[in-house]
Amino acid sequence: LVHRGVKGAVMIAILGVTALGLLFGDVQWNGVMSTPPSIAPTFLQLDFSGLFEVGMISVVFAFLFVDLFDTAGTLVGVSQKAGLTDENGNIPRLNKALLADST
């Protein structure tokens, strides 16, 4: 619908998929407005016992490297495509871009 330029295509798609979900029983109708479920069963029930185990270090480093290479690849690719690199191929003010991504 978006490709064909129909106005309100996203809303039509949302309503259509919701209607199909209701028809097939995948979506439950709770009225026009409903409240979110209670957080009482899970509130302050966090378990930090595994936080300081040796295996957690590999998880932290895995996420660190995934985020680092994702950011670096995006910055290099977009900077080169947009012509924002200097004559040596360096990205000016790279530290500010990395700081913005880290927050």
PDB file of N, CA and C in Angstrom:
ATOM      1  N   LEU A   1       0.815  -1.197   0.000  1.00  0.00           N
ATOM      2  CA  LEU A   1       0.000   0.000   0.000  1.00  0.00           C
ATOM      3  C   LEU A   1       0.862   1.266   0.000  1.00  0.00           C
ATOM      4  N   VAL A   2       1.925   1.243   0.776  1.00  0.00           N
ATOM      5  CA  VAL A   2       2.824   2.398   0.803  1.00  0.00           C
ATOM      6  C   VAL A   2       3.468   2.574  -0.566  1.00  0.00           C
ATOM      7  N   HIS A   3       3.866   1.465  -1.173  1.00  0.00           N
ATOM      8  CA  HIS A   3       4.502   1.511  -2.487  1.00  0.00           C
ATOM      9  C   HIS A   3       3.561   2.096  -3.534  1.00  0.00           C
ATOM     10  N   ARG A   4       2.278   1.821  -3.394  1.00  0.00           N
ATOM     11  CA  ARG A   4       1.297   2.342  -4.353  1.00  0.00           C
ATOM     12  C   ARG A   4       0.839   3.757  -4.024  1.00  0.00           C
ATOM     13  N   GLY A   5       1.323   4.321  -2.917  1.00  0.00           N
ATOM     14  CA  GLY A   5       1.009   5.706  -2.580  1.00  0.00           C
ATOM     15  C   GLY A   5      -0.338   5.895  -1.910  1.00  0.00           C
ATOM     16  N   VAL A   6      -0.877   4.864  -1.292  1.00  0.00           N
ATOM     17  CA  VAL A   6      -2.170   4.977  -0.617  1.00  0.00           C
ATOM     18  C   VAL A   6      -1.988   5.782   0.662  1.00  0.00           C
ATOM     19  N   LYS A   7      -2.811   6.817   0.852  1.00  0.00           N
ATOM     20  CA  LYS A   7      -2.730   7.620   2.069  1.00  0.00           C
ATOM     21  C   LYS A   7      -3.273   6.800   3.231  1.00  0.00           C
ATOM     22  N   GLY A   8      -2.572   6.822   4.347  1.00  0.00           N
ATOM     23  CA  GLY A   8      -2.980   6.047   5.513  1.00  0.00           C
ATOM     24  C   GLY A   8      -2.665   4.573   5.381  1.00  0.00           C
ATOM     25  N   ALA A   9      -1.697   4.233   4.548  1.00  0.00           N
ATOM     26  CA  ALA A   9      -1.380   2.831   4.271  1.00  0.00           C
ATOM     27  C   ALA A   9      -0.930   2.088   5.517  1.00  0.00           C
ATOM     28  N   VAL A  10      -0.141   2.728   6.353  1.00  0.00           N
ATOM     29  CA  VAL A  10       0.348   2.058   7.558  1.00  0.00           C
ATOM     30  C   VAL A  10      -0.813   1.780   8.504  1.00  0.00           C
ATOM     31  N   MET A  11      -1.707   2.748   8.679  1.00  0.00           N
ATOM     32  CA  MET A  11      -2.864   2.552   9.555  1.00  0.00           C
ATOM     33  C   MET A  11      -3.784   1.472   9.007  1.00  0.00           C
ATOM     34  N   ILE A  12      -3.986   1.456   7.715  1.00  0.00           N
ATOM     35  CA  ILE A  12      -4.817   0.418   7.095  1.00  0.00           C
ATOM     36  C   ILE A  12      -4.191  -0.954   7.317  1.00  0.00           C
ATOM     37  N   ALA A  13      -2.881  -1.044   7.187  1.00  0.00           N
ATOM     38  CA  ALA A  13      -2.192  -2.316   7.400  1.00  0.00           C
ATOM     39  C   ALA A  13      -2.305  -2.760   8.855  1.00  0.00           C
ATOM     40  N   ILE A  14      -2.148  -1.841   9.797  1.00  0.00           N
ATOM     41  CA  ILE A  14      -2.272  -2.183  11.218  1.00  0.00           C
ATOM     42  C   ILE A  14      -3.671  -2.685  11.521  1.00  0.00           C
ATOM     43  N   LEU A  15      -4.676  -1.977  11.042  1.00  0.00           N
ATOM     44  CA  LEU A  15      -6.058  -2.397  11.292  1.00  0.00           C
ATOM     45  C   LEU A  15      -6.374  -3.719  10.607  1.00  0.00           C
ATOM     46  N   GLY A  16      -5.847  -3.924   9.405  1.00  0.00           N
ATOM     47  CA  GLY A  16      -6.086  -5.178   8.691  1.00  0.00           C
ATOM     48  C   GLY A  16      -5.460  -6.371   9.384  1.00  0.00           C
ATOM     49  N   VAL A  17      -4.225  -6.216   9.825  1.00  0.00           N
ATOM     50  CA  VAL A  17      -3.550  -7.313  10.520  1.00  0.00           C
ATOM     51  C   VAL A  17      -4.221  -7.579  11.863  1.00  0.00           C
ATOM     52  N   THR A  18      -4.671  -6.533  12.544  1.00  0.00           N
ATOM     53  CA  THR A  18      -5.398  -6.720  13.802  1.00  0.00           C
ATOM     54  C   THR A  18      -6.702  -7.460  13.571  1.00  0.00           C
ATOM     55  N   ALA A  19      -7.422  -7.105  12.510  1.00  0.00           N
ATOM     56  CA  ALA A  19      -8.670  -7.807  12.189  1.00  0.00           C
ATOM     57  C   ALA A  19      -8.408  -9.277  11.885  1.00  0.00           C
ATOM     58  N   LEU A  20      -7.346  -9.563  11.152  1.00  0.00           N
ATOM     59  CA  LEU A  20      -7.000 -10.964  10.888  1.00  0.00           C
ATOM     60  C   LEU A  20      -6.632 -11.693  12.174  1.00  0.00           C
ATOM     61  N   GLY A  21      -5.921 -11.023  13.058  1.00  0.00           N
ATOM     62  CA  GLY A  21      -5.571 -11.624  14.340  1.00  0.00           C
ATOM     63  C   GLY A  21      -6.791 -11.925  15.180  1.00  0.00           C
ATOM     64  N   LEU A  22      -7.763 -11.011  15.172  1.00  0.00           N
ATOM     65  CA  LEU A  22      -9.017 -11.259  15.893  1.00  0.00           C
ATOM     66  C   LEU A  22      -9.777 -12.420  15.272  1.00  0.00           C
ATOM     67  N   LEU A  23      -9.782 -12.475  13.963  1.00  0.00           N
ATOM     68  CA  LEU A  23     -10.500 -13.528  13.250  1.00  0.00           C
ATOM     69  C   LEU A  23      -9.910 -14.903  13.544  1.00  0.00           C
ATOM     70  N   PHE A  24      -8.589 -14.994  13.595  1.00  0.00           N
ATOM     71  CA  PHE A  24      -7.936 -16.280  13.826  1.00  0.00           C
ATOM     72  C   PHE A  24      -7.663 -16.558  15.302  1.00  0.00           C
ATOM     73  N   GLY A  25      -8.033 -15.649  16.183  1.00  0.00           N
ATOM     74  CA  GLY A  25      -7.881 -15.870  17.616  1.00  0.00           C
ATOM     75  C   GLY A  25      -6.500 -15.597  18.170  1.00  0.00           C
ATOM     76  N   ASP A  26      -5.637 -14.946  17.413  1.00  0.00           N
ATOM     77  CA  ASP A  26      -4.294 -14.633  17.898  1.00  0.00           C
ATOM     78  C   ASP A  26      -4.264 -13.356  18.733  1.00  0.00           C
ATOM     79  N   VAL A  27      -5.290 -12.517  18.588  1.00  0.00           N
ATOM     80  CA  VAL A  27      -5.375 -11.251  19.303  1.00  0.00           C
ATOM     81  C   VAL A  27      -6.626 -11.276  20.163  1.00  0.00           C
ATOM     82  N   GLN A  28      -6.485 -10.824  21.412  1.00  0.00           N
ATOM     83  CA  GLN A  28      -7.630 -10.782  22.317  1.00  0.00           C
ATOM     84  C   GLN A  28      -8.123  -9.346  22.411  1.00  0.00           C
ATOM     85  N   TRP A  29      -9.431  -9.140  22.259  1.00  0.00           N
ATOM     86  CA  TRP A  29     -10.013  -7.807  22.320  1.00  0.00           C
ATOM     87  C   TRP A  29     -10.242  -7.436  23.776  1.00  0.00           C
ATOM     88  N   ASN A  30      -9.617  -6.344  24.228  1.00  0.00           N
ATOM     89  CA  ASN A  30      -9.775  -5.868  25.600  1.00  0.00           C
ATOM     90  C   ASN A  30     -10.479  -4.526  25.654  1.00  0.00           C
ATOM     91  N   GLY A  31     -11.127  -4.143  24.600  1.00  0.00           N
ATOM     92  CA  GLY A  31     -11.789  -2.850  24.540  1.00  0.00           C
ATOM     93  C   GLY A  31     -10.917  -1.845  23.805  1.00  0.00           C
ATOM     94  N   VAL A  32     -11.450  -0.642  23.668  1.00  0.00           N
ATOM     95  CA  VAL A  32     -10.724   0.395  22.946  1.00  0.00           C
ATOM     96  C   VAL A  32      -9.487   0.823  23.736  1.00  0.00           C
ATOM     97  N   MET A  33      -9.636   0.964  25.036  1.00  0.00           N
ATOM     98  CA  MET A  33      -8.520   1.322  25.911  1.00  0.00           C
ATOM     99  C   MET A  33      -8.390   0.236  26.966  1.00  0.00           C
ATOM    100  N   SER A  34      -7.191  -0.178  27.253  1.00  0.00           N
ATOM    101  CA  SER A  34      -6.981  -1.170  28.305  1.00  0.00           C
ATOM    102  C   SER A  34      -5.749  -0.786  29.108  1.00  0.00           C
ATOM    103  N   THR A  35      -5.685  -1.283  30.319  1.00  0.00           N
ATOM    104  CA  THR A  35      -4.544  -0.983  31.170  1.00  0.00           C
ATOM    105  C   THR A  35      -3.479  -2.053  30.986  1.00  0.00           C
ATOM    106  N   PRO A  36      -2.236  -1.696  31.189  1.00  0.00           N
ATOM    107  CA  PRO A  36      -1.177  -2.707  31.092  1.00  0.00           C
ATOM    108  C   PRO A  36      -1.284  -3.689  32.256  1.00  0.00           C
ATOM    109  N   PRO A  37      -0.699  -4.864  32.112  1.00  0.00           N
ATOM    110  CA  PRO A  37      -0.754  -5.829  33.207  1.00  0.00           C
ATOM    111  C   PRO A  37       0.016  -5.325  34.431  1.00  0.00           C
ATOM    112  N   SER A  38      -0.318  -5.848  35.574  1.00  0.00           N
ATOM    113  CA  SER A  38       0.316  -5.441  36.822  1.00  0.00           C
ATOM    114  C   SER A  38       1.782  -5.870  36.852  1.00  0.00           C
ATOM    115  N   ILE A  39       2.622  -5.011  37.422  1.00  0.00           N
ATOM    116  CA  ILE A  39       4.034  -5.353  37.566  1.00  0.00           C
ATOM    117  C   ILE A  39       4.314  -5.980  38.929  1.00  0.00           C
ATOM    118  N   ALA A  40       3.295  -6.139  39.752  1.00  0.00           N
ATOM    119  CA  ALA A  40       3.474  -6.659  41.111  1.00  0.00           C
ATOM    120  C   ALA A  40       4.171  -8.019  41.157  1.00  0.00           C
ATOM    121  N   PRO A  41       3.871  -8.973  40.266  1.00  0.00           N
ATOM    122  CA  PRO A  41       4.546 -10.270  40.378  1.00  0.00           C
ATOM    123  C   PRO A  41       6.050 -10.227  40.107  1.00  0.00           C
ATOM    124  N   THR A  42       6.518  -9.243  39.365  1.00  0.00           N
ATOM    125  CA  THR A  42       7.938  -9.201  39.010  1.00  0.00           C
ATOM    126  C   THR A  42       8.694  -8.022  39.607  1.00  0.00           C
ATOM    127  N   PHE A  43       8.009  -7.095  40.256  1.00  0.00           N
ATOM    128  CA  PHE A  43       8.647  -5.886  40.784  1.00  0.00           C
ATOM    129  C   PHE A  43       9.666  -6.244  41.862  1.00  0.00           C
ATOM    130  N   LEU A  44      10.893  -5.786  41.701  1.00  0.00           N
ATOM    131  CA  LEU A  44      12.011  -6.027  42.619  1.00  0.00           C
ATOM    132  C   LEU A  44      12.299  -7.512  42.830  1.00  0.00           C
ATOM    133  N   GLN A  45      12.078  -8.318  41.814  1.00  0.00           N
ATOM    134  CA  GLN A  45      12.350  -9.750  41.892  1.00  0.00           C
ATOM    135  C   GLN A  45      13.574 -10.128  41.059  1.00  0.00           C
ATOM    136  N   LEU A  46      14.503  -9.205  40.892  1.00  0.00           N
ATOM    137  CA  LEU A  46      15.689  -9.453  40.081  1.00  0.00           C
ATOM    138  C   LEU A  46      16.656 -10.382  40.809  1.00  0.00           C
ATOM    139  N   ASP A  47      17.328 -11.217  40.046  1.00  0.00           N
ATOM    140  CA  ASP A  47      18.292 -12.156  40.615  1.00  0.00           C
ATOM    141  C   ASP A  47      19.674 -11.822  40.069  1.00  0.00           C
ATOM    142  N   PHE A  48      20.523 -11.269  40.901  1.00  0.00           N
ATOM    143  CA  PHE A  48      21.860 -10.861  40.494  1.00  0.00           C
ATOM    144  C   PHE A  48      22.922 -11.894  40.859  1.00  0.00           C
ATOM    145  N   SER A  49      22.523 -13.095  41.208  1.00  0.00           N
ATOM    146  CA  SER A  49      23.488 -14.089  41.686  1.00  0.00           C
ATOM    147  C   SER A  49      24.506 -14.483  40.612  1.00  0.00           C
ATOM    148  N   GLY A  50      24.135 -14.480  39.354  1.00  0.00           N
ATOM    149  CA  GLY A  50      25.060 -14.867  38.292  1.00  0.00           C
ATOM    150  C   GLY A  50      25.836 -13.720  37.692  1.00  0.00           C
ATOM    151  N   LEU A  51      25.641 -12.526  38.231  1.00  0.00           N
ATOM    152  CA  LEU A  51      26.247 -11.334  37.645  1.00  0.00           C
ATOM    153  C   LEU A  51      27.772 -11.345  37.709  1.00  0.00           C
ATOM    154  N   PHE A  52      28.340 -11.877  38.774  1.00  0.00           N
ATOM    155  CA  PHE A  52      29.790 -11.821  38.954  1.00  0.00           C
ATOM    156  C   PHE A  52      30.469 -13.157  38.684  1.00  0.00           C
ATOM    157  N   GLU A  53      29.832 -14.013  37.927  1.00  0.00           N
ATOM    158  CA  GLU A  53      30.453 -15.280  37.554  1.00  0.00           C
ATOM    159  C   GLU A  53      31.381 -15.068  36.362  1.00  0.00           C
ATOM    160  N   VAL A  54      32.291 -16.007  36.163  1.00  0.00           N
ATOM    161  CA  VAL A  54      33.296 -15.892  35.104  1.00  0.00           C
ATOM    162  C   VAL A  54      32.644 -15.853  33.720  1.00  0.00           C
ATOM    163  N   GLY A  55      31.588 -16.610  33.521  1.00  0.00           N
ATOM    164  CA  GLY A  55      30.932 -16.656  32.218  1.00  0.00           C
ATOM    165  C   GLY A  55      30.326 -15.332  31.799  1.00  0.00           C
ATOM    166  N   MET A  56      30.040 -14.473  32.763  1.00  0.00           N
ATOM    167  CA  MET A  56      29.436 -13.179  32.454  1.00  0.00           C
ATOM    168  C   MET A  56      30.428 -12.263  31.757  1.00  0.00           C
ATOM    169  N   ILE A  57      31.715 -12.458  31.996  1.00  0.00           N
ATOM    170  CA  ILE A  57      32.744 -11.633  31.354  1.00  0.00           C
ATOM    171  C   ILE A  57      32.692 -11.811  29.839  1.00  0.00           C
ATOM    172  N   SER A  58      32.519 -13.037  29.378  1.00  0.00           N
ATOM    173  CA  SER A  58      32.444 -13.271  27.933  1.00  0.00           C
ATOM    174  C   SER A  58      31.202 -12.630  27.336  1.00  0.00           C
ATOM    175  N   VAL A  59      30.109 -12.610  28.077  1.00  0.00           N
ATOM    176  CA  VAL A  59      28.888 -11.964  27.585  1.00  0.00           C
ATOM    177  C   VAL A  59      29.108 -10.461  27.455  1.00  0.00           C
ATOM    178  N   VAL A  60      29.712  -9.858  28.459  1.00  0.00           N
ATOM    179  CA  VAL A  60      29.970  -8.414  28.428  1.00  0.00           C
ATOM    180  C   VAL A  60      30.897  -8.059  27.267  1.00  0.00           C
ATOM    181  N   PHE A  61      31.974  -8.824  27.079  1.00  0.00           N
ATOM    182  CA  PHE A  61      32.892  -8.542  25.973  1.00  0.00           C
ATOM    183  C   PHE A  61      32.246  -8.801  24.614  1.00  0.00           C
ATOM    184  N   ALA A  62      31.369  -9.788  24.534  1.00  0.00           N
ATOM    185  CA  ALA A  62      30.670 -10.041  23.272  1.00  0.00           C
ATOM    186  C   ALA A  62      29.806  -8.845  22.895  1.00  0.00           C
ATOM    187  N   PHE A  63      29.034  -8.333  23.858  1.00  0.00           N
ATOM    188  CA  PHE A  63      28.212  -7.155  23.576  1.00  0.00           C
ATOM    189  C   PHE A  63      29.078  -5.930  23.287  1.00  0.00           C
ATOM    190  N   LEU A  64      30.194  -5.800  23.986  1.00  0.00           N
ATOM    191  CA  LEU A  64      31.105  -4.686  23.751  1.00  0.00           C
ATOM    192  C   LEU A  64      31.603  -4.676  22.314  1.00  0.00           C
ATOM    193  N   PHE A  65      32.090  -5.836  21.843  1.00  0.00           N
ATOM    194  CA  PHE A  65      32.638  -5.895  20.489  1.00  0.00           C
ATOM    195  C   PHE A  65      31.556  -5.777  19.419  1.00  0.00           C
ATOM    196  N   VAL A  66      30.385  -6.338  19.664  1.00  0.00           N
ATOM    197  CA  VAL A  66      29.288  -6.192  18.698  1.00  0.00           C
ATOM    198  C   VAL A  66      28.932  -4.723  18.547  1.00  0.00           C
ATOM    199  N   ASP A  67      28.784  -4.011  19.660  1.00  0.00           N
ATOM    200  CA  ASP A  67      28.431  -2.596  19.598  1.00  0.00           C
ATOM    201  C   ASP A  67      29.551  -1.769  18.976  1.00  0.00           C
ATOM    202  N   LEU A  68      30.788  -2.063  19.340  1.00  0.00           N
ATOM    203  CA  LEU A  68      31.925  -1.317  18.804  1.00  0.00           C
ATOM    204  C   LEU A  68      32.025  -1.453  17.288  1.00  0.00           C
ATOM    205  N   PHE A  69      31.960  -2.682  16.787  1.00  0.00           N
ATOM    206  CA  PHE A  69      32.094  -2.879  15.343  1.00  0.00           C
ATOM    207  C   PHE A  69      30.852  -2.417  14.585  1.00  0.00           C
ATOM    208  N   ASP A  70      29.694  -2.490  15.217  1.00  0.00           N
ATOM    209  CA  ASP A  70      28.485  -1.966  14.581  1.00  0.00           C
ATOM    210  C   ASP A  70      28.603  -0.458  14.408  1.00  0.00           C
ATOM    211  N   THR A  71      29.010   0.220  15.454  1.00  0.00           N
ATOM    212  CA  THR A  71      29.165   1.671  15.390  1.00  0.00           C
ATOM    213  C   THR A  71      30.261   2.070  14.408  1.00  0.00           C
ATOM    214  N   ALA A  72      31.401   1.406  14.488  1.00  0.00           N
ATOM    215  CA  ALA A  72      32.512   1.750  13.597  1.00  0.00           C
ATOM    216  C   ALA A  72      32.138   1.522  12.139  1.00  0.00           C
ATOM    217  N   GLY A  73      31.514   0.405  11.854  1.00  0.00           N
ATOM    218  CA  GLY A  73      31.111   0.120  10.479  1.00  0.00           C
ATOM    219  C   GLY A  73      30.103   1.114   9.948  1.00  0.00           C
ATOM    220  N   THR A  74      29.140   1.471  10.786  1.00  0.00           N
ATOM    221  CA  THR A  74      28.137   2.447  10.362  1.00  0.00           C
ATOM    222  C   THR A  74      28.772   3.807  10.123  1.00  0.00           C
ATOM    223  N   LEU A  75      29.617   4.245  11.046  1.00  0.00           N
ATOM    224  CA  LEU A  75      30.254   5.556  10.886  1.00  0.00           C
ATOM    225  C   LEU A  75      31.152   5.605   9.656  1.00  0.00           C
ATOM    226  N   VAL A  76      31.940   4.576   9.431  1.00  0.00           N
ATOM    227  CA  VAL A  76      32.829   4.556   8.269  1.00  0.00           C
ATOM    228  C   VAL A  76      32.016   4.525   6.981  1.00  0.00           C
ATOM    229  N   GLY A  77      31.030   3.652   6.917  1.00  0.00           N
ATOM    230  CA  GLY A  77      30.230   3.525   5.700  1.00  0.00           C
ATOM    231  C   GLY A  77      29.458   4.781   5.359  1.00  0.00           C
ATOM    232  N   VAL A  78      28.786   5.347   6.348  1.00  0.00           N
ATOM    233  CA  VAL A  78      27.986   6.549   6.107  1.00  0.00           C
ATOM    234  C   VAL A  78      28.888   7.741   5.807  1.00  0.00           C
ATOM    235  N   SER A  79      30.007   7.863   6.524  1.00  0.00           N
ATOM    236  CA  SER A  79      30.919   8.984   6.288  1.00  0.00           C
ATOM    237  C   SER A  79      31.511   8.942   4.887  1.00  0.00           C
ATOM    238  N   GLN A  80      31.907   7.766   4.436  1.00  0.00           N
ATOM    239  CA  GLN A  80      32.462   7.653   3.088  1.00  0.00           C
ATOM    240  C   GLN A  80      31.396   7.921   2.035  1.00  0.00           C
ATOM    241  N   LYS A  81      30.207   7.381   2.230  1.00  0.00           N
ATOM    242  CA  LYS A  81      29.139   7.573   1.240  1.00  0.00           C
ATOM    243  C   LYS A  81      28.719   9.041   1.161  1.00  0.00           C
ATOM    244  N   ALA A  82      28.725   9.735   2.309  1.00  0.00           N
ATOM    245  CA  ALA A  82      28.317  11.141   2.337  1.00  0.00           C
ATOM    246  C   ALA A  82      29.465  12.088   2.019  1.00  0.00           C
ATOM    247  N   GLY A  83      30.673  11.551   1.859  1.00  0.00           N
ATOM    248  CA  GLY A  83      31.818  12.403   1.552  1.00  0.00           C
ATOM    249  C   GLY A  83      32.290  13.230   2.739  1.00  0.00           C
ATOM    250  N   LEU A  84      32.150  12.711   3.942  1.00  0.00           N
ATOM    251  CA  LEU A  84      32.523  13.448   5.143  1.00  0.00           C
ATOM    252  C   LEU A  84      33.928  13.134   5.633  1.00  0.00           C
ATOM    253  N   THR A  85      34.652  12.297   4.930  1.00  0.00           N
ATOM    254  CA  THR A  85      36.019  11.972   5.340  1.00  0.00           C
ATOM    255  C   THR A  85      36.990  13.000   4.772  1.00  0.00           C
ATOM    256  N   ASP A  86      38.127  13.162   5.452  1.00  0.00           N
ATOM    257  CA  ASP A  86      39.134  14.089   4.937  1.00  0.00           C
ATOM    258  C   ASP A  86      39.952  13.407   3.842  1.00  0.00           C
ATOM    259  N   GLU A  87      41.014  14.070   3.376  1.00  0.00           N
ATOM    260  CA  GLU A  87      41.795  13.543   2.253  1.00  0.00           C
ATOM    261  C   GLU A  87      42.528  12.247   2.599  1.00  0.00           C
ATOM    262  N   ASN A  88      42.738  11.976   3.885  1.00  0.00           N
ATOM    263  CA  ASN A  88      43.395  10.737   4.306  1.00  0.00           C
ATOM    264  C   ASN A  88      42.405   9.619   4.637  1.00  0.00           C
ATOM    265  N   GLY A  89      41.126   9.892   4.485  1.00  0.00           N
ATOM    266  CA  GLY A  89      40.111   8.894   4.804  1.00  0.00           C
ATOM    267  C   GLY A  89      39.702   8.874   6.262  1.00  0.00           C
ATOM    268  N   ASN A  90      40.186   9.849   7.043  1.00  0.00           N
ATOM    269  CA  ASN A  90      39.826   9.924   8.456  1.00  0.00           C
ATOM    270  C   ASN A  90      38.488  10.633   8.628  1.00  0.00           C
ATOM    271  N   ILE A  91      37.795  10.286   9.691  1.00  0.00           N
ATOM    272  CA  ILE A  91      36.508  10.915   9.982  1.00  0.00           C
ATOM    273  C   ILE A  91      36.751  12.030  10.994  1.00  0.00           C
ATOM    274  N   PRO A  92      36.499  13.290  10.600  1.00  0.00           N
ATOM    275  CA  PRO A  92      36.703  14.387  11.553  1.00  0.00           C
ATOM    276  C   PRO A  92      35.686  14.303  12.695  1.00  0.00           C
ATOM    277  N   ARG A  93      36.104  14.681  13.895  1.00  0.00           N
ATOM    278  CA  ARG A  93      35.263  14.674  15.094  1.00  0.00           C
ATOM    279  C   ARG A  93      34.670  13.294  15.379  1.00  0.00           C
ATOM    280  N   LEU A  94      35.456  12.250  15.115  1.00  0.00           N
ATOM    281  CA  LEU A  94      35.009  10.880  15.355  1.00  0.00           C
ATOM    282  C   LEU A  94      34.710  10.645  16.829  1.00  0.00           C
ATOM    283  N   ASN A  95      35.502  11.271  17.702  1.00  0.00           N
ATOM    284  CA  ASN A  95      35.289  11.060  19.136  1.00  0.00           C
ATOM    285  C   ASN A  95      33.914  11.546  19.583  1.00  0.00           C
ATOM    286  N   LYS A  96      33.415  12.629  18.988  1.00  0.00           N
ATOM    287  CA  LYS A  96      32.081  13.125  19.343  1.00  0.00           C
ATOM    288  C   LYS A  96      30.993  12.179  18.851  1.00  0.00           C
ATOM    289  N   ALA A  97      31.187  11.604  17.677  1.00  0.00           N
ATOM    290  CA  ALA A  97      30.208  10.649  17.155  1.00  0.00           C
ATOM    291  C   ALA A  97      30.177   9.383  18.004  1.00  0.00           C
ATOM    292  N   LEU A  98      31.343   8.910  18.419  1.00  0.00           N
ATOM    293  CA  LEU A  98      31.400   7.723  19.272  1.00  0.00           C
ATOM    294  C   LEU A  98      30.810   8.008  20.645  1.00  0.00           C
ATOM    295  N   LEU A  99      31.022   9.216  21.168  1.00  0.00           N
ATOM    296  CA  LEU A  99      30.447   9.587  22.452  1.00  0.00           C
ATOM    297  C   LEU A  99      28.925   9.653  22.361  1.00  0.00           C
ATOM    298  N   ALA A 100      28.408  10.204  21.264  1.00  0.00           N
ATOM    299  CA  ALA A 100      26.958  10.268  21.084  1.00  0.00           C
ATOM    300  C   ALA A 100      26.356   8.872  20.994  1.00  0.00           C
ATOM    301  N   ASP A 101      27.056   7.948  20.369  1.00  0.00           N
ATOM    302  CA  ASP A 101      26.552   6.584  20.258  1.00  0.00           C
ATOM    303  C   ASP A 101      26.602   5.858  21.596  1.00  0.00           C
ATOM    304  N   SER A 102      27.550   6.200  22.433  1.00  0.00           N
ATOM    305  CA  SER A 102      27.714   5.474  23.699  1.00  0.00           C
ATOM    306  C   SER A 102      26.686   5.874  24.742  1.00  0.00           C
ATOM    307  N   THR A 103      26.023   7.003  24.554  1.00  0.00           N
ATOM    308  CA  THR A 103      25.049   7.437  25.566  1.00  0.00           C
ATOM    309  C   THR A 103      23.657   6.972  25.266  1.00  0.00           C
TER     310      THR A 103
END
